[in-house]
Amino acid sequence: MKSIGRYIECQLNIFRNECNFSDEELEFFNLKAKDLTIVEICQEMNISRTKYYSLRDKVLDKMFEVDKVYKI
């Protein structure tokens, strides 16, 4: 699977609509889609690096499941 920032907008919209992200996960996903760095995302969301990695793992797990269905 590609890095979140490597998808085109129509693919990102499929993930937004199908992954059932929480509000926090969706915010994270949208920031990653803009190719922000770890530091930038932590500052923007006011989260620790530990929380960053936790969100990353949750988002990627959901994306992986959607990708299996849609072959994005």
Protein backbone atom coordinates (compact mmCIF):
# COMPACT_ATOMS: atom_id res chain seq x y z
CA MET A 1 0.00 0.00 0.00
CA LYS A 2 1.21 3.50 -0.82
CA SER A 3 1.96 6.28 1.64
CA ILE A 4 -1.21 8.27 2.38
CA GLY A 5 0.21 11.35 0.67
CA ARG A 6 0.77 9.39 -2.57
CA TYR A 7 -2.91 8.75 -3.32
CA ILE A 8 -4.91 10.98 -5.65
CA GLU A 9 -7.95 12.84 -4.34
CA CYS A 10 -10.57 10.40 -5.65
CA GLN A 11 -8.74 7.53 -3.90
CA LEU A 12 -8.47 9.55 -0.69
CA ASN A 13 -12.22 10.14 -0.83
CA ILE A 14 -12.87 6.40 -1.02
CA PHE A 15 -10.86 5.95 2.16
CA ARG A 16 -12.62 8.88 3.83
CA ASN A 17 -16.02 7.41 3.00
CA GLU A 18 -15.34 3.73 3.61
CA CYS A 19 -12.88 3.52 6.52
CA ASN A 20 -15.28 4.68 9.22
CA PHE A 21 -12.59 6.89 10.74
CA SER A 22 -13.19 8.52 14.11
CA ASP A 23 -12.99 12.33 14.06
CA GLU A 24 -9.43 12.16 15.36
CA GLU A 25 -8.42 9.52 12.82
CA LEU A 26 -9.95 11.54 10.00
CA GLU A 27 -8.06 14.65 11.08
CA PHE A 28 -4.85 12.60 11.14
CA PHE A 29 -5.63 11.08 7.73
CA ASN A 30 -6.26 14.51 6.18
CA LEU A 31 -3.01 15.91 7.57
CA LYS A 32 -1.06 12.88 6.30
CA ALA A 33 -2.72 13.34 2.91
CA LYS A 34 -1.12 16.80 2.83
CA ASP A 35 2.26 15.12 3.40
CA LEU A 36 2.88 16.87 6.71
CA THR A 37 5.74 15.56 8.81
CA ILE A 38 5.42 13.77 12.14
CA VAL A 39 6.41 16.95 13.97
CA GLU A 40 3.91 19.08 12.03
CA ILE A 41 1.06 16.65 12.68
CA CYS A 42 1.89 16.37 16.38
CA GLN A 43 1.91 20.15 16.67
CA GLU A 44 -1.28 20.62 14.63
CA MET A 45 -3.19 17.99 16.59
CA ASN A 46 -1.45 18.71 19.90
CA ILE A 47 -0.51 15.05 20.37
CA SER A 48 2.59 13.13 21.44
CA ARG A 49 4.67 10.96 19.14
CA THR A 50 3.24 7.91 20.92
CA LYS A 51 -0.28 9.05 20.06
CA TYR A 52 0.87 9.79 16.49
CA TYR A 53 2.05 6.20 16.04
CA SER A 54 -1.13 4.83 17.60
CA LEU A 55 -3.29 6.88 15.21
CA ARG A 56 -1.09 5.94 12.28
CA ASP A 57 -1.51 2.26 13.02
CA LYS A 58 -5.30 2.52 13.40
CA VAL A 59 -5.65 4.52 10.18
CA LEU A 60 -3.40 2.19 8.19
CA ASP A 61 -5.26 -0.89 9.48
CA LYS A 62 -8.57 0.56 8.32
CA MET A 63 -7.08 1.61 4.99
CA PHE A 64 -5.66 -1.88 4.47
CA GLU A 65 -9.10 -3.44 4.96
CA VAL A 66 -10.72 -1.02 2.50
CA ASP A 67 -7.89 -1.51 0.02
CA LYS A 68 -8.51 -5.28 0.02
CA VAL A 69 -12.08 -4.65 -1.14
CA TYR A 70 -11.51 -1.77 -3.59
CA LYS A 71 -7.97 -2.62 -4.78
CA ILE A 72 -6.99 1.04 -4.60
